[in-house]
Amino acid sequence: MIKDKPMQIKCGQLDNSQVLALLTAHHEDMASHSPPESVHALDVSGLESKAVTFWSLWTSQQQSERLAGCGALKQLDLKHAEIKSMRTSADFLRQGVAQQLLTHIIAEAKSRGYQRLSLETGTMAAFLPAKNLYQQFGFKECPPFADYQLDPYSCFMTKSL
C-alpha cells in the first residue's frame, strides 16, 4: 500500500499532460493485447461525456504532484453504471492505487443510487491482476451488458450494490 505519501483523488484533470500520457499508455496496452474491435477503452472525448465522471489519483512528493492512477464511472441508466478506464501508473503498480480508486468508485456509485455496477476487462493473461482485483471486491462474471457483444477477448463482470 502507498504509505507516508499524501494522496488526493481529483475529479477531471483530462487536460493534464500526466493524465493524457497515462490514457495513451492505457490505450496502447489494450491494443497490444486485443484486436481493435475488442478494445473498449474510452478516448478523452468519451471520458468527457456528461454520462462519465473521471477521477485521477495523485501523490505529492517534494512540492510536485505525480499521477498514480485513474478511473471513471459511466452511467448506463438510473440503476446501472459501468467502471471505465481503470489504470495504475507504472511507477505505482502493486501499491494499492487500484484498490483506492475502486473503493472510491464503488462508494460514489452507491451514493448515486445505482443498484448494479459492471465492467468489461480482457481475457488475456495480462488482465488477470485486474480480474483478480475485481473478484476481491465482489464482482462476478456475467453475460455482456449494455451494448457489448459476446467476445472471446472480453470478460464481463458485475456487482450488486
Protein backbone atom coordinates (compact mmCIF):
# COMPACT_ATOMS: atom_id res chain seq x y z
CA MET A 1 0.00 0.00 0.00
CA ILE A 2 1.04 3.58 -0.51
CA LYS A 3 2.38 4.73 2.82
CA ASP A 4 3.64 8.07 4.00
CA LYS A 5 2.55 9.70 0.75
CA PRO A 6 -0.30 12.20 0.79
CA MET A 7 -2.81 11.04 -1.82
CA GLN A 8 -5.61 13.06 -3.36
CA ILE A 9 -8.40 11.97 -5.70
CA LYS A 10 -9.36 14.72 -8.13
CA CYS A 11 -12.32 14.87 -10.45
CA GLY A 12 -11.48 15.63 -14.07
CA GLN A 13 -7.93 16.62 -14.98
CA LEU A 14 -8.40 15.33 -18.55
CA ASP A 15 -6.30 18.19 -19.88
CA ASN A 16 -3.33 17.36 -17.64
CA SER A 17 -0.26 16.08 -19.52
CA GLN A 18 0.32 13.26 -16.99
CA VAL A 19 -3.29 12.09 -17.34
CA LEU A 20 -3.11 12.24 -21.14
CA ALA A 21 0.13 10.23 -21.11
CA LEU A 22 -1.41 7.58 -18.83
CA LEU A 23 -4.52 7.31 -21.01
CA THR A 24 -2.33 6.98 -24.11
CA ALA A 25 -0.35 4.19 -22.42
CA HIS A 26 -3.65 2.56 -21.41
CA HIS A 27 -4.93 2.54 -25.00
CA GLU A 28 -1.63 1.28 -26.37
CA ASP A 29 -1.55 -1.54 -23.82
CA MET A 30 -5.15 -2.55 -24.57
CA ALA A 31 -4.36 -2.57 -28.30
CA SER A 32 -1.31 -4.78 -27.72
CA HIS A 33 -3.47 -7.50 -26.13
CA SER A 34 -6.72 -7.35 -28.08
CA PRO A 35 -7.84 -6.77 -31.67
CA PRO A 36 -9.18 -3.26 -32.39
CA GLU A 37 -12.83 -4.34 -32.33
CA SER A 38 -12.32 -5.73 -28.82
CA VAL A 39 -10.73 -2.62 -27.30
CA HIS A 40 -13.46 -0.79 -25.37
CA ALA A 41 -11.37 1.87 -23.60
CA LEU A 42 -12.84 5.36 -23.91
CA ASP A 43 -10.81 8.10 -25.53
CA VAL A 44 -10.68 11.58 -23.98
CA SER A 45 -13.84 12.72 -25.78
CA GLY A 46 -15.66 9.66 -24.42
CA LEU A 47 -14.40 10.40 -20.92
CA GLU A 48 -15.66 13.99 -21.26
CA SER A 49 -19.23 12.76 -21.86
CA LYS A 50 -21.88 14.01 -19.43
CA ALA A 51 -22.60 10.35 -18.56
CA VAL A 52 -19.00 9.85 -17.36
CA THR A 53 -17.19 11.04 -14.26
CA PHE A 54 -13.40 10.71 -14.41
CA TRP A 55 -11.07 10.69 -11.40
CA SER A 56 -7.31 10.81 -11.09
CA LEU A 57 -5.31 9.83 -8.01
CA TRP A 58 -2.28 11.97 -7.19
CA THR A 59 0.59 11.76 -4.74
CA SER A 60 2.51 14.80 -3.54
CA GLN A 61 6.24 14.44 -3.14
CA GLN A 62 8.66 17.26 -2.54
CA GLN A 63 6.41 20.01 -3.85
CA SER A 64 5.38 18.14 -7.02
CA GLU A 65 2.40 16.01 -7.88
CA ARG A 66 2.67 12.64 -9.58
CA LEU A 67 -0.22 10.78 -11.14
CA ALA A 68 -0.68 7.37 -9.51
CA GLY A 69 -3.75 6.21 -11.42
CA CYS A 70 -7.17 6.93 -12.83
CA GLY A 71 -10.66 5.51 -13.20
CA ALA A 72 -14.12 6.52 -14.35
CA LEU A 73 -17.79 5.82 -13.76
CA LYS A 74 -20.21 5.78 -16.68
CA GLN A 75 -23.95 5.93 -16.09
CA LEU A 76 -25.77 3.34 -18.21
CA ASP A 77 -29.21 4.07 -16.75
CA LEU A 78 -30.61 5.29 -13.43
CA LYS A 79 -29.82 1.99 -11.69
CA HIS A 80 -26.75 0.70 -13.53
CA ALA A 81 -23.26 2.13 -14.07
CA GLU A 82 -20.01 0.90 -15.59
CA ILE A 83 -16.41 1.23 -14.46
CA LYS A 84 -14.19 2.59 -17.24
CA SER A 85 -10.53 3.50 -17.74
CA MET A 86 -9.10 1.95 -14.58
CA ARG A 87 -5.33 2.27 -14.84
CA THR A 88 -2.39 2.49 -12.46
CA SER A 89 0.76 4.41 -13.45
CA ALA A 90 3.74 2.09 -13.95
CA ASP A 91 5.67 3.64 -11.05
CA PHE A 92 2.81 2.84 -8.65
CA LEU A 93 1.95 -0.75 -9.57
CA ARG A 94 1.25 -3.11 -6.64
CA GLN A 95 1.00 -0.22 -4.15
CA GLY A 96 -2.77 -0.16 -3.59
CA VAL A 97 -3.66 2.53 -6.13
CA ALA A 98 -6.27 0.43 -7.94
CA GLN A 99 -7.84 -0.61 -4.64
CA GLN A 100 -8.10 3.02 -3.54
CA LEU A 101 -9.67 4.10 -6.83
CA LEU A 102 -12.05 1.14 -6.94
CA THR A 103 -13.15 1.79 -3.36
CA HIS A 104 -13.84 5.42 -4.31
CA ILE A 105 -15.77 4.49 -7.46
CA ILE A 106 -17.92 1.90 -5.67
CA ALA A 107 -18.72 4.39 -2.89
CA GLU A 108 -19.64 7.03 -5.46
CA ALA A 109 -21.85 4.56 -7.36
CA LYS A 110 -23.67 3.69 -4.13
CA SER A 111 -24.11 7.37 -3.22
CA ARG A 112 -25.69 7.99 -6.64
CA GLY A 113 -28.21 5.23 -6.01
CA TYR A 114 -27.01 2.74 -8.60
CA GLN A 115 -28.07 -0.81 -7.82
CA ARG A 116 -25.60 -2.51 -10.12
CA LEU A 117 -22.01 -1.78 -11.16
CA SER A 118 -20.48 -3.59 -14.14
CA LEU A 119 -17.27 -3.61 -16.14
CA GLU A 120 -15.53 -5.15 -19.11
CA THR A 121 -11.94 -6.34 -18.95
CA GLY A 122 -9.78 -8.52 -21.13
CA THR A 123 -9.37 -12.29 -21.09
CA MET A 124 -5.64 -12.46 -21.82
CA ALA A 125 -3.10 -13.21 -19.05
CA ALA A 126 -2.17 -9.51 -18.83
CA PHE A 127 -5.66 -8.78 -17.50
CA LEU A 128 -5.54 -11.40 -14.72
CA PRO A 129 -4.41 -8.94 -11.98
CA ALA A 130 -7.37 -6.66 -12.82
CA LYS A 131 -9.81 -9.57 -12.87
CA ASN A 132 -8.48 -10.80 -9.51
CA LEU A 133 -8.88 -7.31 -8.02
CA TYR A 134 -12.48 -7.06 -9.20
CA GLN A 135 -13.24 -10.52 -7.79
CA GLN A 136 -11.77 -9.45 -4.43
CA PHE A 137 -14.28 -6.57 -4.44
CA GLY A 138 -17.20 -8.94 -5.08
CA PHE A 139 -17.55 -8.68 -8.86
CA LYS A 140 -18.70 -11.87 -10.61
CA GLU A 141 -18.59 -12.82 -14.27
CA CYS A 142 -21.79 -12.10 -16.18
CA PRO A 143 -23.13 -12.01 -19.74
CA PRO A 144 -22.46 -8.93 -21.90
CA PHE A 145 -24.36 -5.84 -20.73
CA ALA A 146 -25.33 -2.51 -22.33
CA ASP A 147 -24.16 -2.51 -25.98
CA TYR A 148 -21.43 -5.13 -25.55
CA GLN A 149 -21.48 -8.34 -27.57
CA LEU A 150 -20.10 -11.74 -26.64
CA ASP A 151 -16.39 -11.60 -27.47
CA PRO A 152 -13.59 -14.08 -26.70
CA TYR A 153 -11.34 -11.13 -25.75
CA SER A 154 -13.80 -9.67 -23.23
CA CYS A 155 -14.69 -10.72 -19.70
CA PHE A 156 -17.83 -9.07 -18.32
CA MET A 157 -18.27 -8.67 -14.59
CA THR A 158 -20.96 -7.18 -12.34
CA LYS A 159 -21.71 -6.46 -8.69
CA SER A 160 -24.96 -5.67 -6.94
CA LEU A 161 -24.68 -2.59 -4.72
